[in-house]
Structure formats: C-alpha cells, structure tokens
Amino acid sequence: MILVLCTTIMYNGCRILGDWITPENPYRVPQGAALKVFGNEQAIEANSTFSERLRLFYWYGE
C-alpha cells in the first residue's frame, strides 16, 4: 500500500510540475521583434550525401 501511495504521489507531482513548466500555447505567433528562422531546405537535402545529412542531424538535432 505504501508503494502504491508513493508511486501515485510521485506520478501526480511530476505531472503537475510538467504542466507548470510547459508553456500555455507553444505554437502561438511570437510577439515583439521575433524572427522566423526556419527555412525550406529541400534543395540542400537533395544534393547532400548521407554523411553530411548525418553530421547535420547530430549538429542540429533534427
């Protein structure tokens, strides 16, 4: 019973902490002097080799 109680408390505590940390709407339009830095890179991907794409994957995490 103690294990179930501690597990429930820990789970709900992590869920509440996660809800508190997460922004309300992460996909909203930025306010102020924000810039859109994402661009369409289809031409670069078509001419790149596997090793270049792998290097970019590890570099940018995409």
Protein backbone atom coordinates (compact mmCIF):
# COMPACT_ATOMS: atom_id res chain seq x y z
CA MET A 1 0.00 0.00 0.00
CA ILE A 2 2.85 2.37 0.81
CA LEU A 3 4.45 1.65 -2.58
CA VAL A 4 1.18 2.41 -4.40
CA LEU A 5 0.70 5.60 -2.38
CA CYS A 6 4.27 6.83 -3.01
CA THR A 7 4.04 5.97 -6.71
CA THR A 8 0.74 7.86 -7.05
CA ILE A 9 2.12 10.90 -5.25
CA MET A 10 5.30 10.89 -7.35
CA TYR A 11 3.37 10.46 -10.62
CA ASN A 12 0.94 13.27 -9.87
CA GLY A 13 3.77 15.51 -8.63
CA CYS A 14 5.71 15.02 -11.88
CA ARG A 15 2.56 15.64 -13.92
CA ILE A 16 1.81 18.88 -12.07
CA LEU A 17 5.44 20.00 -12.41
CA GLY A 18 5.35 19.22 -16.15
CA ASP A 19 2.12 21.21 -16.60
CA TRP A 20 3.69 24.14 -14.75
CA ILE A 21 6.85 24.12 -16.88
CA THR A 22 5.12 23.70 -20.26
CA PRO A 23 4.09 26.99 -21.93
CA GLU A 24 0.38 27.60 -22.36
CA ASN A 25 0.45 27.56 -26.15
CA PRO A 26 3.87 26.70 -27.61
CA TYR A 27 2.61 27.18 -31.20
CA ARG A 28 1.29 30.74 -30.83
CA VAL A 29 2.62 33.53 -33.04
CA PRO A 30 5.64 35.19 -31.38
CA GLN A 31 5.21 38.74 -30.12
CA GLY A 32 7.68 41.62 -30.41
CA ALA A 33 10.76 41.54 -32.62
CA ALA A 34 10.84 37.77 -33.12
CA LEU A 35 12.17 36.40 -36.39
CA LYS A 36 11.20 33.27 -38.25
CA VAL A 37 14.45 31.37 -38.73
CA PHE A 38 13.09 28.14 -40.21
CA GLY A 39 13.54 27.86 -43.93
CA ASN A 40 12.78 25.32 -46.61
CA GLU A 41 15.94 23.30 -47.22
CA GLN A 42 14.74 20.79 -49.82
CA ALA A 43 17.39 21.85 -52.35
CA ILE A 44 20.19 21.32 -49.84
CA GLU A 45 18.87 17.92 -48.80
CA ALA A 46 18.66 16.72 -52.41
CA ASN A 47 22.36 17.43 -53.08
CA SER A 48 23.78 16.32 -49.72
CA THR A 49 25.41 12.99 -49.05
CA PHE A 50 24.43 10.62 -46.31
CA SER A 51 27.43 11.60 -44.17
CA GLU A 52 26.59 15.33 -44.50
CA ARG A 53 22.99 14.71 -43.51
CA LEU A 54 24.12 12.59 -40.56
CA ARG A 55 26.54 15.31 -39.44
CA LEU A 56 23.76 17.93 -39.64
CA PHE A 57 21.44 15.61 -37.73
CA TYR A 58 23.89 15.36 -34.84
CA TRP A 59 24.82 19.05 -35.05
CA TYR A 60 21.27 20.46 -35.03
CA GLY A 61 19.37 17.55 -33.56
CA GLU A 62 16.86 17.46 -36.42
